[in-house]
Protein backbone atom coordinates (compact mmCIF):
# COMPACT_ATOMS: atom_id res chain seq x y z
CA MET A 1 -3.33 -21.02 32.71
CA ASP A 2 0.16 -21.20 31.23
CA ARG A 3 0.63 -20.22 27.60
CA PRO A 4 1.07 -23.29 25.34
CA LEU A 5 4.61 -23.73 24.07
CA ASN A 6 3.40 -23.52 20.48
CA HIS A 7 1.39 -20.34 21.04
CA PRO A 8 2.27 -17.76 18.33
CA ALA A 9 3.96 -14.54 19.40
CA ALA A 10 1.44 -11.75 20.01
CA PRO A 11 3.29 -8.46 20.55
CA VAL A 12 1.19 -5.54 21.81
CA GLY A 13 1.58 -2.10 23.29
CA SER A 14 2.96 -0.11 20.34
CA ILE A 15 1.44 2.73 18.34
CA GLY A 16 1.44 2.86 14.56
CA VAL A 17 0.98 5.69 12.07
CA LEU A 18 0.13 4.99 8.44
CA LEU A 19 0.45 7.83 5.92
CA VAL A 20 -1.70 7.24 2.83
CA ASN A 21 -1.62 8.96 -0.54
CA LEU A 22 -3.52 8.35 -3.75
CA GLY A 23 -1.32 6.01 -5.75
CA THR A 24 1.01 5.49 -8.65
CA PRO A 25 1.89 2.90 -11.27
CA ASP A 26 4.93 0.70 -10.64
CA ALA A 27 6.70 1.99 -13.75
CA PRO A 28 6.20 4.65 -16.46
CA THR A 29 5.12 2.04 -18.98
CA THR A 30 1.85 1.51 -20.79
CA ALA A 31 1.30 -1.89 -19.14
CA ALA A 32 1.96 -0.60 -15.62
CA VAL A 33 -0.22 2.46 -16.13
CA ARG A 34 -3.00 0.26 -17.50
CA ARG A 35 -2.95 -1.87 -14.33
CA TYR A 36 -2.96 1.21 -12.15
CA LEU A 37 -5.78 2.96 -14.01
CA GLY A 38 -7.78 -0.26 -14.09
CA GLU A 39 -7.75 -0.35 -10.29
CA PHE A 40 -8.20 3.39 -9.81
CA LEU A 41 -11.03 3.89 -12.31
CA SER A 42 -12.88 0.78 -11.12
CA ASP A 43 -13.43 2.33 -7.69
CA ARG A 44 -17.10 3.23 -7.55
CA ARG A 45 -16.33 6.31 -5.44
CA VAL A 46 -14.00 7.60 -8.17
CA VAL A 47 -16.35 6.95 -11.08
CA GLU A 48 -19.96 7.01 -9.91
CA ILE A 49 -21.41 5.44 -13.03
CA PRO A 50 -23.13 2.04 -12.63
CA PRO A 51 -20.54 -0.68 -13.40
CA ILE A 52 -22.79 -2.28 -16.00
CA ILE A 53 -22.44 0.93 -18.02
CA TRP A 54 -18.94 2.04 -17.01
CA GLN A 55 -16.93 -1.17 -17.16
CA PRO A 56 -17.46 -1.79 -20.90
CA ILE A 57 -16.40 1.84 -21.53
CA LEU A 58 -13.40 1.48 -19.23
CA ARG A 59 -12.23 -1.85 -20.67
CA GLY A 60 -13.21 -1.21 -24.25
CA MET A 61 -12.11 2.40 -24.68
CA VAL A 62 -10.34 4.13 -21.78
CA LEU A 63 -7.80 1.41 -21.00
CA ARG A 64 -7.00 1.02 -24.68
CA THR A 65 -6.00 4.65 -25.23
CA ARG A 66 -5.30 6.54 -22.00
CA PRO A 67 -2.48 4.34 -20.59
CA ARG A 68 -0.15 5.17 -23.47
CA GLN A 69 -0.79 8.91 -23.07
CA SER A 70 -0.36 8.76 -19.30
CA ALA A 71 2.79 6.63 -19.58
CA HIS A 72 4.36 9.34 -21.74
CA ALA A 73 3.45 11.94 -19.11
CA TYR A 74 4.91 9.80 -16.30
CA GLN A 75 8.13 9.43 -18.28
CA GLN A 76 8.56 13.22 -18.14
CA VAL A 77 8.68 13.24 -14.34
CA TRP A 78 9.88 9.77 -13.32
CA GLY A 79 12.95 10.00 -11.11
CA PRO A 80 15.90 7.69 -10.44
CA ASP A 81 14.09 6.41 -7.34
CA GLY A 82 10.82 5.90 -9.19
CA SER A 83 7.49 7.70 -9.02
CA PRO A 84 7.75 11.18 -7.47
CA LEU A 85 4.63 10.61 -5.38
CA ALA A 86 5.96 7.36 -3.93
CA THR A 87 9.43 8.80 -3.37
CA ILE A 88 8.10 11.86 -1.56
CA THR A 89 5.53 9.97 0.53
CA LYS A 90 8.29 7.58 1.63
CA ALA A 91 10.46 10.58 2.54
CA GLN A 92 7.58 12.06 4.56
CA ALA A 93 7.17 8.80 6.47
CA GLU A 94 10.90 8.58 7.19
CA ALA A 95 11.03 12.21 8.33
CA LEU A 96 7.99 11.73 10.56
CA GLN A 97 9.56 8.59 12.05
CA ALA A 98 12.68 10.60 12.90
CA ARG A 99 10.55 13.26 14.57
CA LEU A 100 8.41 10.81 16.58
CA GLY A 101 11.32 8.56 17.51
CA SER A 102 10.32 5.51 19.53
CA ALA A 103 6.87 6.93 20.32
CA ALA A 104 5.33 5.35 17.20
CA LYS A 105 6.12 3.21 14.19
CA VAL A 106 5.48 5.05 10.91
CA ARG A 107 4.68 3.38 7.59
CA TRP A 108 3.27 4.65 4.28
CA ALA A 109 0.87 3.24 1.71
CA MET A 110 -0.92 4.02 -1.54
CA ARG A 111 -4.66 3.71 -1.99
CA TYR A 112 -4.07 2.36 -5.50
CA GLY A 113 -0.89 0.51 -6.38
CA LYS A 114 1.88 -0.47 -3.98
CA PRO A 115 2.49 -0.58 -1.10
CA ALA A 116 -1.18 -1.22 -0.48
CA ILE A 117 -3.02 -0.33 2.71
CA ALA A 118 -3.94 -3.86 3.87
CA PRO A 119 -0.42 -5.34 4.10
CA GLN A 120 0.88 -2.20 5.83
CA ILE A 121 -1.87 -2.41 8.47
CA ARG A 122 -1.10 -6.10 8.91
CA GLN A 123 2.63 -5.39 9.28
CA LEU A 124 2.03 -2.75 11.92
CA LYS A 125 -0.27 -5.11 13.82
CA ASP A 126 2.27 -7.95 13.60
CA GLU A 127 4.90 -5.59 15.03
CA GLY A 128 2.76 -5.01 18.10
CA CYS A 129 0.82 -1.90 17.11
CA ASP A 130 -2.57 -2.41 18.69
CA ARG A 131 -3.37 1.29 18.16
CA ILE A 132 -2.97 2.78 14.68
CA LEU A 133 -3.56 6.28 13.32
CA VAL A 134 -4.36 6.24 9.60
CA ALA A 135 -3.57 9.59 7.99
CA PRO A 136 -5.00 10.22 4.50
CA LEU A 137 -2.79 13.02 3.13
CA TYR A 138 -5.68 14.93 1.55
CA PRO A 139 -6.21 18.39 3.07
CA GLN A 140 -9.71 18.63 1.57
CA TYR A 141 -12.23 15.82 2.05
CA SER A 142 -13.80 14.10 -0.94
CA GLY A 143 -15.66 10.86 -1.35
CA ALA A 144 -13.25 10.06 -4.19
CA THR A 145 -10.15 10.45 -2.00
CA THR A 146 -10.50 10.38 1.80
CA ALA A 147 -13.53 8.08 1.80
CA THR A 148 -11.83 5.51 -0.43
CA VAL A 149 -8.98 5.25 2.06
CA ILE A 150 -11.47 4.51 4.82
CA ASP A 151 -13.16 1.94 2.54
CA ALA A 152 -9.84 0.16 1.99
CA LEU A 153 -9.04 0.39 5.71
CA GLY A 154 -12.38 -1.21 6.54
CA ALA A 155 -11.77 -4.01 4.06
CA SER A 156 -8.36 -4.72 5.58
CA LEU A 157 -9.82 -4.82 9.10
CA LYS A 158 -12.62 -7.10 7.95
CA ALA A 159 -10.04 -9.75 7.11
CA MET A 160 -8.43 -9.60 10.58
CA ARG A 161 -9.56 -11.63 13.56
CA TRP A 162 -7.67 -9.46 16.07
CA GLN A 163 -8.13 -5.87 14.99
CA PRO A 164 -6.13 -2.91 16.28
CA ALA A 165 -7.84 0.20 17.60
CA ILE A 166 -8.05 2.77 14.80
CA ARG A 167 -8.07 6.54 14.55
CA THR A 168 -8.09 8.56 11.34
CA LEU A 169 -6.67 12.00 10.59
CA PRO A 170 -9.50 14.45 9.80
CA PRO A 171 -9.36 16.71 6.74
CA TYR A 172 -7.18 19.74 7.49
CA HIS A 173 -8.19 22.23 4.79
CA ASP A 174 -8.69 25.07 7.28
CA ASP A 175 -6.39 23.90 10.06
CA PRO A 176 -4.23 26.85 11.19
CA LEU A 177 -1.22 24.50 11.11
CA HIS A 178 -1.85 23.80 7.43
CA ILE A 179 -2.49 27.40 6.43
CA GLU A 180 0.63 28.61 8.22
CA ALA A 181 2.77 25.89 6.67
CA LEU A 182 1.50 26.83 3.21
CA ARG A 183 2.03 30.53 3.87
CA ALA A 184 5.58 30.10 5.08
CA ASP A 185 6.59 27.63 2.37
CA LEU A 186 4.99 29.52 -0.54
CA SER A 187 6.33 32.86 0.70
CA ARG A 188 9.82 31.41 0.73
CA GLN A 189 9.42 30.03 -2.78
CA LEU A 190 7.92 33.26 -4.13
CA ALA A 191 10.74 35.33 -2.64
CA ALA A 192 13.31 33.08 -4.33
CA LEU A 193 11.89 33.58 -7.83
CA PRO A 194 13.82 35.77 -10.29
CA PHE A 195 10.62 37.76 -10.88
CA ARG A 196 7.67 39.02 -8.83
CA PRO A 197 4.44 37.37 -10.00
CA GLU A 198 1.37 39.45 -10.74
CA VAL A 199 -0.94 36.47 -10.21
CA LEU A 200 -0.83 33.35 -8.04
CA VAL A 201 -3.10 30.59 -9.29
CA LEU A 202 -4.14 28.05 -6.65
CA SER A 203 -4.97 24.92 -8.61
CA PHE A 204 -6.92 22.09 -6.99
CA HIS A 205 -7.67 18.70 -8.48
CA GLY A 206 -10.99 18.76 -10.27
CA MET A 207 -14.10 16.73 -9.54
CA PRO A 208 -17.30 16.29 -11.54
CA GLU A 209 -19.65 19.14 -10.67
CA ARG A 210 -22.39 16.68 -9.74
CA THR A 211 -20.37 15.65 -6.66
CA LEU A 212 -20.93 19.15 -5.27
CA HIS A 213 -24.69 18.88 -5.75
CA LEU A 214 -24.69 15.40 -4.20
CA GLY A 215 -23.26 16.86 -0.98
CA ASP A 216 -19.51 16.36 -1.31
CA PRO A 217 -17.80 19.17 0.69
CA TYR A 218 -14.67 19.19 -1.49
CA HIS A 219 -15.42 22.31 -3.54
CA CYS A 220 -16.29 24.38 -0.47
CA GLN A 221 -13.21 23.20 1.39
CA CYS A 222 -10.95 24.07 -1.56
CA GLN A 223 -12.44 27.56 -1.66
CA LYS A 224 -11.91 27.97 2.09
CA THR A 225 -8.28 26.87 1.86
CA ALA A 226 -7.72 29.39 -0.93
CA ARG A 227 -9.42 32.21 0.97
CA LEU A 228 -7.50 31.58 4.18
CA LEU A 229 -4.21 31.20 2.33
CA GLY A 230 -4.81 34.38 0.35
CA GLU A 231 -5.50 36.28 3.56
CA ALA A 232 -2.37 34.84 5.17
CA LEU A 233 -0.21 35.82 2.20
CA ALA A 234 -1.63 39.35 1.98
CA ALA A 235 0.63 40.86 4.63
CA GLU A 236 3.75 40.11 2.62
CA TRP A 237 2.27 39.77 -0.86
CA GLY A 238 -0.55 42.30 -0.89
CA ASP A 239 -0.08 43.11 -4.57
CA LEU A 240 -0.43 39.48 -5.60
CA ARG A 241 -3.82 38.63 -7.12
CA VAL A 242 -4.95 35.12 -6.14
CA GLU A 243 -7.08 33.02 -8.49
CA VAL A 244 -8.61 29.59 -7.84
CA SER A 245 -8.91 26.87 -10.48
CA PHE A 246 -9.50 23.13 -10.89
CA GLN A 247 -7.35 20.84 -13.01
CA SER A 248 -7.35 17.33 -14.52
CA ARG A 249 -10.71 17.26 -16.26
CA PHE A 250 -11.60 13.82 -17.64
CA GLY A 251 -14.48 12.68 -19.83
CA ARG A 252 -17.49 14.63 -21.07
CA ALA A 253 -19.20 15.42 -17.78
CA LYS A 254 -19.25 18.98 -16.46
CA TRP A 255 -16.45 19.48 -13.94
CA LEU A 256 -15.80 22.09 -11.28
CA GLU A 257 -14.81 25.42 -12.78
CA PRO A 258 -12.91 27.47 -13.67
CA ALA A 259 -10.55 24.97 -15.33
CA THR A 260 -6.84 25.55 -14.73
CA ASP A 261 -5.89 25.41 -18.42
CA ALA A 262 -8.61 27.93 -19.24
CA VAL A 263 -7.44 30.28 -16.44
CA LEU A 264 -3.83 30.15 -17.66
CA ALA A 265 -4.88 30.92 -21.22
CA ARG A 266 -7.18 33.71 -20.07
CA GLU A 267 -4.47 35.34 -17.97
CA GLY A 268 -1.97 35.27 -20.81
CA GLN A 269 -4.48 36.72 -23.25
CA ALA A 270 -5.51 39.42 -20.76
CA GLY A 271 -1.96 40.73 -20.48
CA THR A 272 -0.62 38.98 -17.40
CA ARG A 273 3.09 38.49 -18.01
CA ARG A 274 4.32 37.05 -14.71
CA LEU A 275 2.45 34.18 -13.06
CA ALA A 276 3.08 31.53 -10.41
CA ILE A 277 0.96 28.46 -9.75
CA ALA A 278 0.67 26.31 -6.63
CA ALA A 279 -1.37 23.23 -5.71
CA PRO A 280 -2.45 23.47 -2.04
CA GLY A 281 -4.72 20.44 -2.40
CA PHE A 282 -1.74 18.13 -2.92
CA SER A 283 0.48 17.08 -0.01
CA ALA A 284 3.22 15.87 -2.35
CA ASP A 285 4.33 16.62 -5.88
CA CYS A 286 3.12 14.10 -8.42
CA LEU A 287 2.15 13.74 -12.08
CA GLU A 288 -0.56 16.38 -11.75
CA THR A 289 1.83 19.01 -10.41
CA LEU A 290 5.12 18.13 -12.11
CA GLU A 291 3.76 17.41 -15.59
CA GLU A 292 0.30 18.91 -15.84
CA LEU A 293 1.11 22.19 -14.09
CA ALA A 294 4.87 22.68 -14.41
CA ILE A 295 5.24 21.51 -18.02
CA ARG A 296 1.87 21.82 -19.74
CA GLY A 297 0.82 24.78 -17.62
CA ARG A 298 3.89 26.72 -18.71
CA GLU A 299 3.18 25.88 -22.35
CA GLU A 300 -0.44 27.01 -22.04
CA PHE A 301 0.46 30.30 -20.35
CA THR A 302 3.31 31.27 -22.69
CA ALA A 303 1.33 30.25 -25.78
CA ALA A 304 -1.35 32.75 -24.69
CA GLY A 305 1.17 35.59 -24.35
CA GLY A 306 2.57 35.10 -20.85
CA GLU A 307 6.29 35.48 -20.33
CA GLN A 308 7.47 34.37 -16.88
CA PHE A 309 5.97 31.31 -15.21
CA ALA A 310 6.79 29.32 -12.06
CA ALA A 311 5.22 26.16 -10.71
CA LEU A 312 5.75 26.12 -6.94
CA ALA A 313 6.48 22.89 -5.08
CA CYS A 314 4.04 21.21 -2.69
CA LEU A 315 4.89 20.97 1.00
CA ASN A 316 6.45 17.55 0.40
CA ALA A 317 9.00 16.67 3.13
CA SER A 318 10.01 20.31 3.67
CA GLU A 319 10.67 21.64 7.14
CA ASP A 320 7.37 23.53 7.16
CA GLY A 321 5.45 20.55 5.84
CA MET A 322 6.94 18.08 8.30
CA ALA A 323 6.50 20.41 11.28
CA MET A 324 2.82 20.66 10.34
CA LEU A 325 2.43 16.91 9.89
CA GLU A 326 4.17 16.10 13.16
CA ALA A 327 1.99 18.56 15.07
CA MET A 328 -1.23 17.18 13.57
CA VAL A 329 -0.21 13.57 14.20
CA ARG A 330 0.80 14.26 17.80
CA ARG A 331 -2.52 16.00 18.34
CA GLU A 332 -4.48 13.02 17.01
CA LEU A 333 -2.40 10.62 19.15
CA MET A 334 -3.20 12.44 22.39
CA GLY A 335 -4.24 9.92 25.01
CA TRP A 336 -2.25 7.21 23.27
CA LEU A 337 1.19 8.75 23.55
C-alpha cells in the first residue's frame, strides 16, 4: 500500500539522550521562586505528607515566606546566563553532544521548571529518536530525586500514541568511573589551594530520616560514595581527615545527620583551622553548593574559629566529569549504538 500524500512525516532510526537535573526557577525573583517551589514541594515524593494536611501549610505558610528568602539566596549566585544549575546542565549536554557526535542527539531537561521533561522527550521523538536514554544526574538514588524523574517520564509517555523505546541511567554512587572522576577532580582542586586542608567535609543533600527507615537507599549510597572516595584520595591525601554530613534541612522533622552546618561549627570550635568542603552528591553546582556551602558554610566555619576555608566545585562540565559521563552513557547505549 502506498503512503497517502497527506501522511505526516515519521522519522525513525535515531538515538536520543536526555540529561535531567532537579530544577531551578526562571529568575531570582520572589514570584519565580514561588512558582518553582509550588511545583517542587507539591510532588508527593518530595514531601510525603498527605496533601489534605500539607497543601494548606504549603499555600498558607511556606509559599508566603520562603520564596523571598530563597530569591535573595539565588541572587547571590545568579550568573549572566541565568541559573547556575541550568547553565551547567546545558554545558554538560553540549559537551556530551560533541563527544558523541552523530551517534546520538543530546538534550537536557529539569524535573521542576524549564525545560521540562515531556516537551524534550517529544522533541527527540519528533526528530526521529525511537530509542532514548534518560539520564537522571543523581549519583545516589532517592525516591525524592531519581524516582520523580521516572514518574515524569512515565507521564510524558502516557500522553504519546507512538512511544520510543526507553532506557534509564542507573544510580552511579559506587561506579568506579564516578569515584575516579571525583578523585582526580578533587585532587586537582585540593592541590591548587593556597593551603593544605586538615579536614575534607563531604556534604550530601539531606533527606528526612524517616525515608531511611521506609527503605530509601539514599543514606547508605551516600556513605558508600564517601567511603570509596576517601579510600581513593588516601594515596595522595593520607593526612586529610574526611567527614560526612547532610545539608539543607527543612521543616521540623528529624533529618539525616550529622548536619553540615553543625559539622562546620564543631570543627571550628574544636580547633580545625583549615577546611575544604565538597558535594559529591551533586553533578553540577547550584544554589545548595554556591550559596549554602560556599557562602554560608564559610561564614559558619570562620564564626566558630576556623581560618581558611574552600568550597570545591562539582564535576560540572570538567574534563573528568565529561569523560565519566560519556563512558557511562556509551555503556548504557550498548546494543543501540
